[in-house]
N, C-alpha and C. Protein backbone atom coordinates (compact mmCIF):
# COMPACT_ATOMS: atom_id res chain seq x y z
N MET A 1 0.83 -1.21 0.00
CA MET A 1 0.00 0.00 0.00
C MET A 1 0.86 1.26 0.00
N ILE A 2 0.31 2.31 -0.54
CA ILE A 2 1.02 3.59 -0.56
C ILE A 2 0.91 4.25 0.80
N ASP A 3 2.05 4.63 1.34
CA ASP A 3 2.10 5.26 2.66
C ASP A 3 1.99 6.78 2.47
N LEU A 4 0.81 7.33 2.74
CA LEU A 4 0.60 8.76 2.56
C LEU A 4 1.46 9.58 3.51
N GLY A 5 1.70 9.03 4.69
CA GLY A 5 2.56 9.73 5.65
C GLY A 5 3.97 9.89 5.11
N PHE A 6 4.47 8.83 4.46
CA PHE A 6 5.81 8.89 3.87
C PHE A 6 5.85 9.91 2.74
N LEU A 7 4.82 9.90 1.87
CA LEU A 7 4.77 10.85 0.76
C LEU A 7 4.72 12.29 1.27
N THR A 8 3.95 12.49 2.34
CA THR A 8 3.85 13.83 2.92
C THR A 8 5.19 14.29 3.47
N SER A 9 5.94 13.37 4.05
CA SER A 9 7.23 13.72 4.67
C SER A 9 8.29 14.10 3.63
N ILE A 10 8.23 13.49 2.44
CA ILE A 10 9.25 13.78 1.42
C ILE A 10 8.83 14.88 0.47
N PHE A 11 7.57 15.27 0.52
CA PHE A 11 7.06 16.27 -0.42
C PHE A 11 7.83 17.59 -0.36
N PRO A 12 8.10 18.16 0.84
CA PRO A 12 8.83 19.44 0.88
C PRO A 12 10.22 19.35 0.24
N TYR A 13 10.89 18.23 0.42
CA TYR A 13 12.22 18.05 -0.16
C TYR A 13 12.15 18.02 -1.69
N LEU A 14 11.12 17.36 -2.22
CA LEU A 14 10.95 17.30 -3.67
C LEU A 14 10.58 18.67 -4.24
N ILE A 15 9.80 19.43 -3.50
CA ILE A 15 9.41 20.77 -3.96
C ILE A 15 10.63 21.67 -4.09
N GLN A 16 11.61 21.48 -3.22
CA GLN A 16 12.85 22.25 -3.35
C GLN A 16 13.53 21.93 -4.68
N GLY A 17 13.46 20.66 -5.08
CA GLY A 17 14.01 20.28 -6.38
C GLY A 17 13.19 20.84 -7.52
N LEU A 18 11.89 20.98 -7.30
CA LEU A 18 11.01 21.54 -8.34
C LEU A 18 11.42 22.97 -8.66
N VAL A 19 11.90 23.70 -7.68
CA VAL A 19 12.36 25.07 -7.91
C VAL A 19 13.48 25.08 -8.96
N PHE A 20 14.43 24.15 -8.83
CA PHE A 20 15.52 24.06 -9.81
C PHE A 20 14.98 23.64 -11.17
N THR A 21 14.00 22.72 -11.17
CA THR A 21 13.40 22.28 -12.43
C THR A 21 12.77 23.45 -13.18
N LEU A 22 12.00 24.27 -12.46
CA LEU A 22 11.35 25.41 -13.09
C LEU A 22 12.36 26.47 -13.51
N GLU A 23 13.40 26.65 -12.70
CA GLU A 23 14.45 27.62 -13.04
C GLU A 23 15.14 27.21 -14.33
N LEU A 24 15.52 25.94 -14.44
CA LEU A 24 16.17 25.45 -15.65
C LEU A 24 15.26 25.59 -16.86
N SER A 25 13.99 25.23 -16.68
CA SER A 25 13.04 25.23 -17.78
C SER A 25 12.74 26.64 -18.28
N VAL A 26 12.47 27.56 -17.36
CA VAL A 26 12.09 28.92 -17.74
C VAL A 26 13.28 29.66 -18.35
N LEU A 27 14.44 29.58 -17.69
CA LEU A 27 15.62 30.26 -18.23
C LEU A 27 16.01 29.68 -19.58
N GLY A 28 15.94 28.36 -19.70
CA GLY A 28 16.25 27.72 -20.98
C GLY A 28 15.26 28.13 -22.06
N PHE A 29 13.99 28.24 -21.68
CA PHE A 29 12.96 28.64 -22.63
C PHE A 29 13.19 30.07 -23.11
N VAL A 30 13.50 30.97 -22.19
CA VAL A 30 13.74 32.38 -22.55
C VAL A 30 14.95 32.49 -23.48
N LEU A 31 16.04 31.80 -23.13
CA LEU A 31 17.22 31.81 -23.98
C LEU A 31 16.88 31.24 -25.36
N GLY A 32 16.14 30.14 -25.36
CA GLY A 32 15.76 29.52 -26.62
C GLY A 32 14.84 30.39 -27.44
N PHE A 33 13.99 31.18 -26.77
CA PHE A 33 13.05 32.03 -27.50
C PHE A 33 13.78 33.11 -28.29
N PHE A 34 14.68 33.83 -27.63
CA PHE A 34 15.37 34.92 -28.31
C PHE A 34 16.29 34.39 -29.42
N LEU A 35 16.96 33.28 -29.14
CA LEU A 35 17.80 32.69 -30.18
C LEU A 35 16.93 32.10 -31.28
N GLY A 36 15.78 31.54 -30.90
CA GLY A 36 14.87 30.96 -31.88
C GLY A 36 14.30 32.00 -32.82
N VAL A 37 13.96 33.19 -32.30
CA VAL A 37 13.46 34.28 -33.16
C VAL A 37 14.53 34.65 -34.18
N THR A 38 15.77 34.76 -33.70
CA THR A 38 16.88 35.11 -34.60
C THR A 38 17.06 34.05 -35.68
N LEU A 39 17.03 32.79 -35.27
CA LEU A 39 17.21 31.70 -36.23
C LEU A 39 16.07 31.66 -37.25
N ALA A 40 14.85 31.90 -36.79
CA ALA A 40 13.69 31.88 -37.69
C ALA A 40 13.79 32.98 -38.74
N VAL A 41 14.16 34.18 -38.30
CA VAL A 41 14.30 35.30 -39.23
C VAL A 41 15.42 35.03 -40.24
N LEU A 42 16.54 34.49 -39.73
CA LEU A 42 17.66 34.19 -40.63
C LEU A 42 17.29 33.11 -41.64
N ARG A 43 16.54 32.12 -41.19
CA ARG A 43 16.17 31.03 -42.11
C ARG A 43 15.25 31.52 -43.23
N LEU A 44 14.46 32.54 -42.94
CA LEU A 44 13.57 33.10 -43.95
C LEU A 44 14.23 34.21 -44.75
N SER A 45 15.49 34.49 -44.41
CA SER A 45 16.22 35.57 -45.08
C SER A 45 16.50 35.21 -46.53
N ASN A 46 16.61 36.24 -47.36
CA ASN A 46 16.98 36.05 -48.77
C ASN A 46 18.47 35.78 -48.94
N ASP A 47 19.21 36.00 -47.86
CA ASP A 47 20.65 35.73 -47.88
C ASP A 47 20.85 34.22 -47.72
N LYS A 48 21.29 33.55 -48.77
CA LYS A 48 21.40 32.09 -48.75
C LYS A 48 22.41 31.60 -47.71
N PHE A 49 23.47 32.37 -47.50
CA PHE A 49 24.49 31.96 -46.52
C PHE A 49 23.90 31.94 -45.11
N LEU A 50 23.24 33.04 -44.72
CA LEU A 50 22.64 33.11 -43.40
C LEU A 50 21.53 32.08 -43.23
N SER A 51 20.75 31.90 -44.28
CA SER A 51 19.67 30.91 -44.24
C SER A 51 20.23 29.50 -44.07
N SER A 52 21.35 29.22 -44.74
CA SER A 52 21.97 27.89 -44.65
C SER A 52 22.55 27.64 -43.27
N ILE A 53 23.17 28.68 -42.69
CA ILE A 53 23.74 28.56 -41.35
C ILE A 53 22.63 28.26 -40.34
N SER A 54 21.53 28.97 -40.46
CA SER A 54 20.39 28.75 -39.56
C SER A 54 19.83 27.34 -39.72
N SER A 55 19.66 26.92 -40.96
CA SER A 55 19.13 25.58 -41.23
C SER A 55 20.06 24.50 -40.70
N LEU A 56 21.36 24.70 -40.86
CA LEU A 56 22.35 23.73 -40.37
C LEU A 56 22.27 23.59 -38.86
N TYR A 57 22.17 24.73 -38.16
CA TYR A 57 22.08 24.70 -36.70
C TYR A 57 20.82 23.96 -36.26
N ILE A 58 19.70 24.31 -36.87
CA ILE A 58 18.42 23.69 -36.51
C ILE A 58 18.46 22.18 -36.75
N ASP A 59 18.95 21.78 -37.90
CA ASP A 59 19.00 20.35 -38.23
C ASP A 59 19.96 19.60 -37.31
N LEU A 60 21.08 20.23 -36.99
CA LEU A 60 22.08 19.58 -36.13
C LEU A 60 21.55 19.37 -34.73
N ILE A 61 20.92 20.40 -34.17
CA ILE A 61 20.40 20.30 -32.81
C ILE A 61 19.23 19.34 -32.74
N ARG A 62 18.32 19.43 -33.70
CA ARG A 62 17.15 18.56 -33.71
C ARG A 62 17.52 17.11 -34.01
N GLY A 63 18.68 16.91 -34.61
CA GLY A 63 19.10 15.57 -34.99
C GLY A 63 19.99 14.87 -33.99
N THR A 64 20.25 15.52 -32.84
CA THR A 64 21.07 14.91 -31.79
C THR A 64 20.33 14.97 -30.45
N PRO A 65 20.55 13.98 -29.58
CA PRO A 65 19.83 13.94 -28.30
C PRO A 65 20.24 15.07 -27.36
N LEU A 66 19.27 15.58 -26.61
CA LEU A 66 19.55 16.61 -25.62
C LEU A 66 20.56 16.12 -24.59
N LEU A 67 20.47 14.85 -24.21
CA LEU A 67 21.40 14.31 -23.22
C LEU A 67 22.84 14.42 -23.70
N VAL A 68 23.07 14.13 -24.96
CA VAL A 68 24.42 14.23 -25.52
C VAL A 68 24.88 15.68 -25.51
N GLN A 69 23.98 16.60 -25.83
CA GLN A 69 24.32 18.02 -25.84
C GLN A 69 24.70 18.50 -24.43
N ILE A 70 23.98 18.01 -23.43
CA ILE A 70 24.29 18.36 -22.04
C ILE A 70 25.69 17.86 -21.68
N LEU A 71 26.01 16.63 -22.06
CA LEU A 71 27.32 16.05 -21.75
C LEU A 71 28.44 16.78 -22.48
N ILE A 72 28.18 17.21 -23.71
CA ILE A 72 29.21 17.95 -24.46
C ILE A 72 29.52 19.28 -23.77
N ILE A 73 28.47 19.99 -23.36
CA ILE A 73 28.67 21.30 -22.74
C ILE A 73 29.36 21.18 -21.39
N TYR A 74 28.95 20.19 -20.59
CA TYR A 74 29.49 20.10 -19.23
C TYR A 74 30.83 19.36 -19.16
N PHE A 75 30.97 18.28 -19.92
CA PHE A 75 32.19 17.49 -19.86
C PHE A 75 33.12 17.72 -21.04
N GLY A 76 32.56 18.10 -22.19
CA GLY A 76 33.38 18.27 -23.39
C GLY A 76 34.05 19.63 -23.51
N LEU A 77 33.30 20.69 -23.25
CA LEU A 77 33.85 22.04 -23.43
C LEU A 77 35.02 22.37 -22.52
N PRO A 78 35.10 21.81 -21.30
CA PRO A 78 36.29 22.09 -20.48
C PRO A 78 37.61 21.74 -21.16
N SER A 79 37.60 20.77 -22.06
CA SER A 79 38.83 20.42 -22.79
C SER A 79 39.24 21.54 -23.73
N LEU A 80 38.29 22.45 -24.02
CA LEU A 80 38.58 23.62 -24.86
C LEU A 80 38.77 24.88 -24.03
N GLY A 81 38.78 24.70 -22.71
CA GLY A 81 38.99 25.83 -21.81
C GLY A 81 37.73 26.54 -21.36
N LEU A 82 36.56 25.96 -21.67
CA LEU A 82 35.29 26.56 -21.27
C LEU A 82 34.66 25.74 -20.16
N TYR A 83 34.50 26.35 -19.00
CA TYR A 83 33.97 25.65 -17.83
C TYR A 83 32.66 26.28 -17.38
N PHE A 84 31.69 25.46 -17.08
CA PHE A 84 30.39 25.93 -16.59
C PHE A 84 29.98 25.10 -15.37
N ASP A 85 29.37 25.78 -14.41
CA ASP A 85 28.82 25.03 -13.28
C ASP A 85 27.61 24.25 -13.79
N PRO A 86 27.15 23.24 -13.03
CA PRO A 86 26.08 22.37 -13.52
C PRO A 86 24.80 23.11 -13.93
N ILE A 87 24.38 24.09 -13.14
CA ILE A 87 23.14 24.79 -13.47
C ILE A 87 23.29 25.61 -14.75
N THR A 88 24.41 26.33 -14.87
CA THR A 88 24.65 27.12 -16.08
C THR A 88 24.73 26.22 -17.30
N ALA A 89 25.44 25.10 -17.16
CA ALA A 89 25.54 24.15 -18.27
C ALA A 89 24.16 23.61 -18.65
N GLY A 90 23.34 23.35 -17.64
CA GLY A 90 21.99 22.85 -17.90
C GLY A 90 21.14 23.87 -18.64
N VAL A 91 21.20 25.12 -18.20
CA VAL A 91 20.42 26.19 -18.85
C VAL A 91 20.88 26.38 -20.29
N LEU A 92 22.20 26.38 -20.50
CA LEU A 92 22.74 26.55 -21.86
C LEU A 92 22.28 25.41 -22.77
N ALA A 93 22.40 24.19 -22.27
CA ALA A 93 22.03 23.03 -23.09
C ALA A 93 20.55 23.05 -23.44
N ILE A 94 19.72 23.31 -22.44
CA ILE A 94 18.27 23.35 -22.67
C ILE A 94 17.91 24.51 -23.61
N GLY A 95 18.53 25.67 -23.38
CA GLY A 95 18.24 26.84 -24.20
C GLY A 95 18.67 26.66 -25.65
N LEU A 96 19.88 26.16 -25.86
CA LEU A 96 20.38 25.96 -27.22
C LEU A 96 19.57 24.89 -27.94
N ASN A 97 19.14 23.88 -27.20
CA ASN A 97 18.31 22.83 -27.79
C ASN A 97 16.93 23.37 -28.14
N SER A 98 16.33 24.08 -27.21
CA SER A 98 14.99 24.61 -27.42
C SER A 98 14.95 25.63 -28.55
N ALA A 99 16.04 26.35 -28.74
CA ALA A 99 16.09 27.37 -29.79
C ALA A 99 15.78 26.78 -31.16
N ALA A 100 16.28 25.59 -31.43
CA ALA A 100 16.05 24.96 -32.72
C ALA A 100 14.57 24.64 -32.93
N TYR A 101 13.93 24.18 -31.87
CA TYR A 101 12.50 23.84 -31.98
C TYR A 101 11.63 25.09 -32.01
N GLN A 102 11.99 26.09 -31.20
CA GLN A 102 11.22 27.32 -31.20
C GLN A 102 11.39 28.07 -32.53
N ALA A 103 12.57 27.95 -33.13
CA ALA A 103 12.79 28.61 -34.43
C ALA A 103 11.81 28.09 -35.47
N GLU A 104 11.58 26.78 -35.47
CA GLU A 104 10.64 26.21 -36.43
C GLU A 104 9.20 26.62 -36.11
N ILE A 105 8.90 26.70 -34.82
CA ILE A 105 7.55 27.14 -34.41
C ILE A 105 7.32 28.58 -34.86
N ILE A 106 8.29 29.44 -34.58
CA ILE A 106 8.14 30.86 -34.91
C ILE A 106 8.16 31.06 -36.43
N ARG A 107 8.97 30.27 -37.12
CA ARG A 107 9.01 30.37 -38.59
C ARG A 107 7.65 30.04 -39.19
N SER A 108 6.98 29.02 -38.64
CA SER A 108 5.65 28.68 -39.14
C SER A 108 4.66 29.80 -38.85
N GLY A 109 4.85 30.46 -37.70
CA GLY A 109 3.98 31.60 -37.36
C GLY A 109 4.19 32.77 -38.30
N ILE A 110 5.45 33.02 -38.64
CA ILE A 110 5.76 34.12 -39.56
C ILE A 110 5.17 33.85 -40.95
N LYS A 111 5.30 32.61 -41.39
CA LYS A 111 4.79 32.25 -42.73
C LYS A 111 3.26 32.26 -42.78
N SER A 112 2.62 32.23 -41.60
CA SER A 112 1.16 32.24 -41.57
C SER A 112 0.58 33.64 -41.68
N ILE A 113 1.44 34.67 -41.58
CA ILE A 113 0.97 36.05 -41.65
C ILE A 113 0.53 36.36 -43.08
N PRO A 114 -0.70 36.82 -43.27
CA PRO A 114 -1.17 37.18 -44.63
C PRO A 114 -0.28 38.24 -45.26
N LYS A 115 -0.03 38.11 -46.55
CA LYS A 115 0.83 39.07 -47.25
C LYS A 115 0.27 40.49 -47.19
N GLU A 116 -1.06 40.59 -47.07
CA GLU A 116 -1.69 41.91 -47.04
C GLU A 116 -1.19 42.73 -45.85
N ASN A 117 -0.94 42.05 -44.72
CA ASN A 117 -0.45 42.77 -43.54
C ASN A 117 0.93 43.37 -43.81
N ILE A 118 1.77 42.60 -44.45
CA ILE A 118 3.12 43.07 -44.73
C ILE A 118 3.09 44.17 -45.79
N GLU A 119 2.27 43.99 -46.79
CA GLU A 119 2.18 45.00 -47.84
C GLU A 119 1.63 46.31 -47.31
N SER A 120 0.70 46.22 -46.36
CA SER A 120 0.15 47.44 -45.76
C SER A 120 1.23 48.18 -44.98
N ALA A 121 2.07 47.42 -44.26
CA ALA A 121 3.16 48.04 -43.51
C ALA A 121 4.17 48.67 -44.45
N GLN A 122 4.45 48.00 -45.56
CA GLN A 122 5.39 48.55 -46.54
C GLN A 122 4.86 49.83 -47.16
N SER A 123 3.55 49.88 -47.36
CA SER A 123 2.94 51.08 -47.96
C SER A 123 3.04 52.29 -47.04
N LEU A 124 3.19 52.01 -45.74
CA LEU A 124 3.35 53.09 -44.77
C LEU A 124 4.80 53.56 -44.67
N GLY A 125 5.67 52.92 -45.41
CA GLY A 125 7.07 53.33 -45.42
C GLY A 125 7.92 52.72 -44.32
N LEU A 126 7.43 51.66 -43.67
CA LEU A 126 8.21 51.03 -42.61
C LEU A 126 9.37 50.23 -43.19
N THR A 127 10.50 50.26 -42.48
CA THR A 127 11.64 49.46 -42.90
C THR A 127 11.37 47.99 -42.60
N ASP A 128 12.20 47.11 -43.19
CA ASP A 128 12.03 45.67 -42.95
C ASP A 128 12.14 45.34 -41.46
N PHE A 129 13.08 46.01 -40.78
CA PHE A 129 13.27 45.77 -39.34
C PHE A 129 12.01 46.14 -38.57
N LYS A 130 11.43 47.30 -38.86
CA LYS A 130 10.23 47.74 -38.15
C LYS A 130 9.03 46.88 -38.51
N ILE A 131 8.98 46.38 -39.73
CA ILE A 131 7.87 45.51 -40.13
C ILE A 131 7.91 44.22 -39.30
N TYR A 132 9.12 43.67 -39.15
CA TYR A 132 9.24 42.47 -38.33
C TYR A 132 8.95 42.76 -36.87
N LYS A 133 9.44 43.90 -36.37
CA LYS A 133 9.31 44.23 -34.96
C LYS A 133 7.88 44.56 -34.56
N PHE A 134 7.18 45.32 -35.40
CA PHE A 134 5.86 45.83 -35.00
C PHE A 134 4.68 45.08 -35.65
N VAL A 135 4.94 44.35 -36.71
CA VAL A 135 3.84 43.70 -37.42
C VAL A 135 3.98 42.18 -37.42
N VAL A 136 5.05 41.69 -38.01
CA VAL A 136 5.19 40.26 -38.25
C VAL A 136 5.34 39.45 -36.95
N LEU A 137 6.35 39.80 -36.15
CA LEU A 137 6.63 39.00 -34.95
C LEU A 137 5.50 39.03 -33.92
N PRO A 138 4.90 40.20 -33.62
CA PRO A 138 3.78 40.19 -32.66
C PRO A 138 2.64 39.28 -33.10
N LEU A 139 2.27 39.34 -34.38
CA LEU A 139 1.20 38.49 -34.88
C LEU A 139 1.61 37.02 -34.89
N ALA A 140 2.83 36.76 -35.33
CA ALA A 140 3.31 35.38 -35.43
C ALA A 140 3.37 34.72 -34.07
N ILE A 141 3.90 35.44 -33.08
CA ILE A 141 4.06 34.86 -31.75
C ILE A 141 2.70 34.61 -31.10
N ARG A 142 1.79 35.54 -31.28
CA ARG A 142 0.45 35.32 -30.73
C ARG A 142 -0.19 34.08 -31.33
N ASN A 143 0.08 33.86 -32.60
CA ASN A 143 -0.56 32.75 -33.30
C ASN A 143 0.02 31.40 -32.92
N VAL A 144 1.23 31.39 -32.37
CA VAL A 144 1.87 30.10 -32.04
C VAL A 144 2.03 29.91 -30.53
N ILE A 145 1.27 30.65 -29.75
CA ILE A 145 1.35 30.50 -28.29
C ILE A 145 1.12 29.06 -27.84
N PRO A 146 0.11 28.35 -28.38
CA PRO A 146 -0.07 26.95 -27.95
C PRO A 146 1.17 26.09 -28.21
N ALA A 147 1.79 26.27 -29.37
CA ALA A 147 2.97 25.49 -29.71
C ALA A 147 4.15 25.85 -28.82
N LEU A 148 4.30 27.14 -28.51
CA LEU A 148 5.37 27.57 -27.62
C LEU A 148 5.16 27.03 -26.21
N THR A 149 3.91 27.00 -25.77
CA THR A 149 3.62 26.46 -24.44
C THR A 149 3.92 24.97 -24.41
N ASN A 150 3.60 24.27 -25.48
CA ASN A 150 3.93 22.85 -25.55
C ASN A 150 5.44 22.63 -25.46
N GLU A 151 6.20 23.54 -26.05
CA GLU A 151 7.65 23.46 -25.96
C GLU A 151 8.11 23.66 -24.53
N LEU A 152 7.50 24.59 -23.80
CA LEU A 152 7.85 24.81 -22.40
C LEU A 152 7.52 23.57 -21.58
N VAL A 153 6.38 22.96 -21.84
CA VAL A 153 6.01 21.72 -21.14
C VAL A 153 7.05 20.64 -21.41
N THR A 154 7.50 20.56 -22.64
CA THR A 154 8.53 19.58 -22.99
C THR A 154 9.82 19.84 -22.23
N LEU A 155 10.17 21.12 -22.09
CA LEU A 155 11.40 21.47 -21.37
C LEU A 155 11.30 21.11 -19.90
N VAL A 156 10.12 21.29 -19.31
CA VAL A 156 9.93 20.93 -17.90
C VAL A 156 10.24 19.44 -17.72
N LYS A 157 9.74 18.63 -18.64
CA LYS A 157 9.98 17.19 -18.55
C LYS A 157 11.43 16.83 -18.90
N ASP A 158 11.96 17.46 -19.94
CA ASP A 158 13.32 17.14 -20.37
C ASP A 158 14.39 17.65 -19.41
N SER A 159 14.04 18.60 -18.54
CA SER A 159 15.01 19.12 -17.58
C SER A 159 15.51 18.03 -16.64
N SER A 160 14.77 16.92 -16.55
CA SER A 160 15.20 15.81 -15.70
C SER A 160 16.53 15.23 -16.17
N LEU A 161 16.85 15.44 -17.46
CA LEU A 161 18.11 14.91 -17.99
C LEU A 161 19.33 15.60 -17.38
N VAL A 162 19.12 16.81 -16.86
CA VAL A 162 20.23 17.55 -16.26
C VAL A 162 20.70 16.90 -14.97
N SER A 163 19.92 15.96 -14.46
CA SER A 163 20.31 15.25 -13.24
C SER A 163 21.61 14.48 -13.44
N VAL A 164 21.95 14.15 -14.70
CA VAL A 164 23.16 13.36 -14.95
C VAL A 164 24.43 14.15 -14.66
N ILE A 165 24.34 15.48 -14.61
CA ILE A 165 25.53 16.28 -14.29
C ILE A 165 25.45 16.83 -12.86
N GLY A 166 24.54 16.26 -12.06
CA GLY A 166 24.53 16.56 -10.64
C GLY A 166 23.63 17.68 -10.17
N VAL A 167 22.79 18.21 -11.04
CA VAL A 167 21.86 19.25 -10.60
C VAL A 167 20.76 18.60 -9.77
N ALA A 168 20.55 19.11 -8.56
CA ALA A 168 19.58 18.49 -7.66
C ALA A 168 18.16 18.98 -7.95
N GLU A 169 17.72 18.73 -9.19
CA GLU A 169 16.35 19.10 -9.54
C GLU A 169 15.39 18.02 -9.06
N LEU A 170 14.17 18.07 -9.54
CA LEU A 170 13.12 17.20 -9.01
C LEU A 170 13.46 15.72 -9.12
N THR A 171 13.83 15.27 -10.30
CA THR A 171 14.13 13.85 -10.49
C THR A 171 15.33 13.41 -9.68
N ARG A 172 16.37 14.24 -9.65
CA ARG A 172 17.58 13.90 -8.89
C ARG A 172 17.28 13.76 -7.41
N ARG A 173 16.45 14.63 -6.89
CA ARG A 173 16.10 14.54 -5.47
C ARG A 173 15.29 13.28 -5.19
N GLY A 174 14.47 12.90 -6.16
CA GLY A 174 13.75 11.66 -6.02
C GLY A 174 14.71 10.48 -5.93
N GLU A 175 15.77 10.51 -6.74
CA GLU A 175 16.77 9.45 -6.72
C GLU A 175 17.51 9.42 -5.38
N TYR A 176 17.76 10.59 -4.81
CA TYR A 176 18.40 10.64 -3.48
C TYR A 176 17.53 9.94 -2.44
N ILE A 177 16.23 10.26 -2.48
CA ILE A 177 15.31 9.68 -1.50
C ILE A 177 15.25 8.16 -1.65
N ILE A 178 15.24 7.69 -2.89
CA ILE A 178 15.20 6.24 -3.13
C ILE A 178 16.46 5.58 -2.58
N ALA A 179 17.60 6.24 -2.73
CA ALA A 179 18.86 5.68 -2.22
C ALA A 179 18.84 5.57 -0.70
N TRP A 180 18.09 6.49 -0.05
CA TRP A 180 18.02 6.46 1.41
C TRP A 180 16.96 5.49 1.92
N THR A 181 15.84 5.40 1.19
CA THR A 181 14.67 4.68 1.72
C THR A 181 14.37 3.35 1.02
N PHE A 182 14.91 3.15 -0.20
CA PHE A 182 14.64 1.95 -0.99
C PHE A 182 13.13 1.78 -1.25
N ARG A 183 12.48 2.90 -1.56
CA ARG A 183 11.04 2.87 -1.86
C ARG A 183 10.80 3.56 -3.21
N PRO A 184 11.25 2.95 -4.31
CA PRO A 184 11.19 3.61 -5.62
C PRO A 184 9.78 3.86 -6.14
N PHE A 185 8.85 2.93 -5.91
CA PHE A 185 7.52 3.09 -6.48
C PHE A 185 6.84 4.34 -5.96
N GLU A 186 6.81 4.51 -4.65
CA GLU A 186 6.13 5.66 -4.06
C GLU A 186 6.81 6.97 -4.43
N VAL A 187 8.14 6.96 -4.43
CA VAL A 187 8.87 8.19 -4.73
C VAL A 187 8.66 8.60 -6.18
N TYR A 188 8.86 7.68 -7.13
CA TYR A 188 8.69 8.02 -8.53
C TYR A 188 7.24 8.37 -8.85
N LEU A 189 6.30 7.76 -8.14
CA LEU A 189 4.89 8.09 -8.34
C LEU A 189 4.62 9.54 -7.96
N LEU A 190 5.17 9.96 -6.83
CA LEU A 190 4.98 11.35 -6.39
C LEU A 190 5.69 12.32 -7.33
N VAL A 191 6.91 11.96 -7.77
CA VAL A 191 7.65 12.79 -8.72
C VAL A 191 6.84 12.97 -10.00
N ALA A 192 6.27 11.87 -10.50
CA ALA A 192 5.47 11.93 -11.72
C ALA A 192 4.25 12.81 -11.54
N MET A 193 3.61 12.72 -10.39
CA MET A 193 2.42 13.54 -10.14
C MET A 193 2.76 15.02 -10.09
N ILE A 194 3.91 15.35 -9.53
CA ILE A 194 4.33 16.76 -9.48
C ILE A 194 4.56 17.28 -10.90
N TYR A 195 5.24 16.49 -11.72
CA TYR A 195 5.44 16.88 -13.12
C TYR A 195 4.09 17.07 -13.82
N PHE A 196 3.17 16.15 -13.57
CA PHE A 196 1.86 16.21 -14.23
C PHE A 196 1.12 17.49 -13.85
N VAL A 197 1.12 17.83 -12.57
CA VAL A 197 0.40 19.02 -12.11
C VAL A 197 0.97 20.28 -12.78
N ILE A 198 2.30 20.39 -12.84
CA ILE A 198 2.94 21.56 -13.45
C ILE A 198 2.60 21.64 -14.93
N CYS A 199 2.71 20.52 -15.63
CA CYS A 199 2.44 20.52 -17.08
C CYS A 199 0.97 20.77 -17.37
N TYR A 200 0.10 20.24 -16.54
CA TYR A 200 -1.34 20.46 -16.72
C TYR A 200 -1.67 21.94 -16.51
N PHE A 201 -1.06 22.56 -15.51
CA PHE A 201 -1.28 23.98 -15.25
C PHE A 201 -0.81 24.82 -16.43
N LEU A 202 0.35 24.48 -16.98
CA LEU A 202 0.88 25.24 -18.12
C LEU A 202 -0.03 25.10 -19.34
N SER A 203 -0.58 23.93 -19.54
CA SER A 203 -1.49 23.71 -20.68
C SER A 203 -2.75 24.56 -20.54
N LYS A 204 -3.30 24.61 -19.33
CA LYS A 204 -4.49 25.44 -19.10
C LYS A 204 -4.16 26.92 -19.24
N LEU A 205 -2.99 27.31 -18.77
CA LEU A 205 -2.56 28.70 -18.90
C LEU A 205 -2.42 29.08 -20.36
N SER A 206 -1.95 28.14 -21.17
CA SER A 206 -1.80 28.38 -22.60
C SER A 206 -3.15 28.70 -23.25
N SER A 207 -4.18 27.94 -22.88
CA SER A 207 -5.51 28.16 -23.45
C SER A 207 -6.03 29.55 -23.11
N LYS A 208 -5.81 29.98 -21.87
CA LYS A 208 -6.28 31.30 -21.45
C LYS A 208 -5.49 32.41 -22.16
N LEU A 209 -4.17 32.23 -22.27
CA LEU A 209 -3.36 33.23 -22.95
C LEU A 209 -3.75 33.37 -24.41
N GLU A 210 -4.06 32.25 -25.03
CA GLU A 210 -4.45 32.27 -26.44
C GLU A 210 -5.70 33.10 -26.65
N LYS A 211 -6.64 33.00 -25.70
CA LYS A 211 -7.88 33.77 -25.81
C LYS A 211 -7.64 35.25 -25.52
N VAL A 212 -6.83 35.52 -24.51
CA VAL A 212 -6.58 36.91 -24.12
C VAL A 212 -5.79 37.66 -25.19
N LEU A 213 -4.81 36.97 -25.80
CA LEU A 213 -3.93 37.63 -26.76
C LEU A 213 -4.37 37.48 -28.21
N ALA A 214 -5.53 36.85 -28.41
CA ALA A 214 -6.02 36.66 -29.78
C ALA A 214 -6.23 38.00 -30.47
N VAL A 215 -5.83 38.08 -31.72
CA VAL A 215 -5.96 39.30 -32.50
C VAL A 215 -7.32 39.29 -33.20
N PRO A 216 -8.17 40.27 -32.95
CA PRO A 216 -9.50 40.31 -33.59
C PRO A 216 -9.37 40.24 -35.12
N GLY A 217 -10.12 39.35 -35.73
CA GLY A 217 -10.11 39.23 -37.19
C GLY A 217 -8.97 38.44 -37.74
N PHE A 218 -8.09 37.91 -36.83
CA PHE A 218 -6.94 37.13 -37.28
C PHE A 218 -7.15 35.70 -36.88
N PHE A 219 -6.85 34.75 -37.78
CA PHE A 219 -7.14 33.36 -37.51
C PHE A 219 -6.26 32.79 -36.42
N SER A 220 -6.72 31.70 -35.83
CA SER A 220 -5.95 31.02 -34.78
C SER A 220 -5.10 29.94 -35.38
N ALA A 221 -4.03 29.56 -34.64
CA ALA A 221 -3.15 28.51 -35.12
C ALA A 221 -3.86 27.17 -35.17
N LYS A 222 -4.99 27.05 -34.49
CA LYS A 222 -5.73 25.79 -34.45
C LYS A 222 -6.62 25.63 -35.67
N GLU A 223 -6.84 26.72 -36.38
CA GLU A 223 -7.74 26.66 -37.51
C GLU A 223 -7.02 26.12 -38.75
């Protein structure tokens, strides 16, 4: 039987690990977002060199496991003179990985913008930079909020991989408790439930944000 008293006793310790999980996920997502916007714009650029560089980065990152990328940054880069503490290495790995996926999400959002919107901005004399800043990106990002939220949910779950370099996030703390108590079923069950609650909350938040930020007269990404 599941011992509720035992689960209650370890819950505060796991919540401390959840703080690291959310920190890794959010910081990695923010880093990935800004880099992803840059990659998306470059990939759609008329400059073939810049477009190729962006495509190469996206394909390379999407074609290799996040775990391997974490190991390269934390254990591989020191051989080149670059050293990062576990949390920084985790954020970098998650952010650089997420950037490739967010770039594709944002690129699809940009391509969904009707040409009439861009032509109207051009008729007002706006430069390409201002068109992207004030017209294209705001509309594109609003339209892909569900996909971006799904990416954040994925990062919350994938952040457990950072446990291999010693970050005491949620999964790692669960492993510590199992080593002390030899009760893997109850511990992993509680860890899974915590992940589920966070991801479920983010999914519901995504639905509300999509409604609040919807542009009147502009189609939704679900349509």
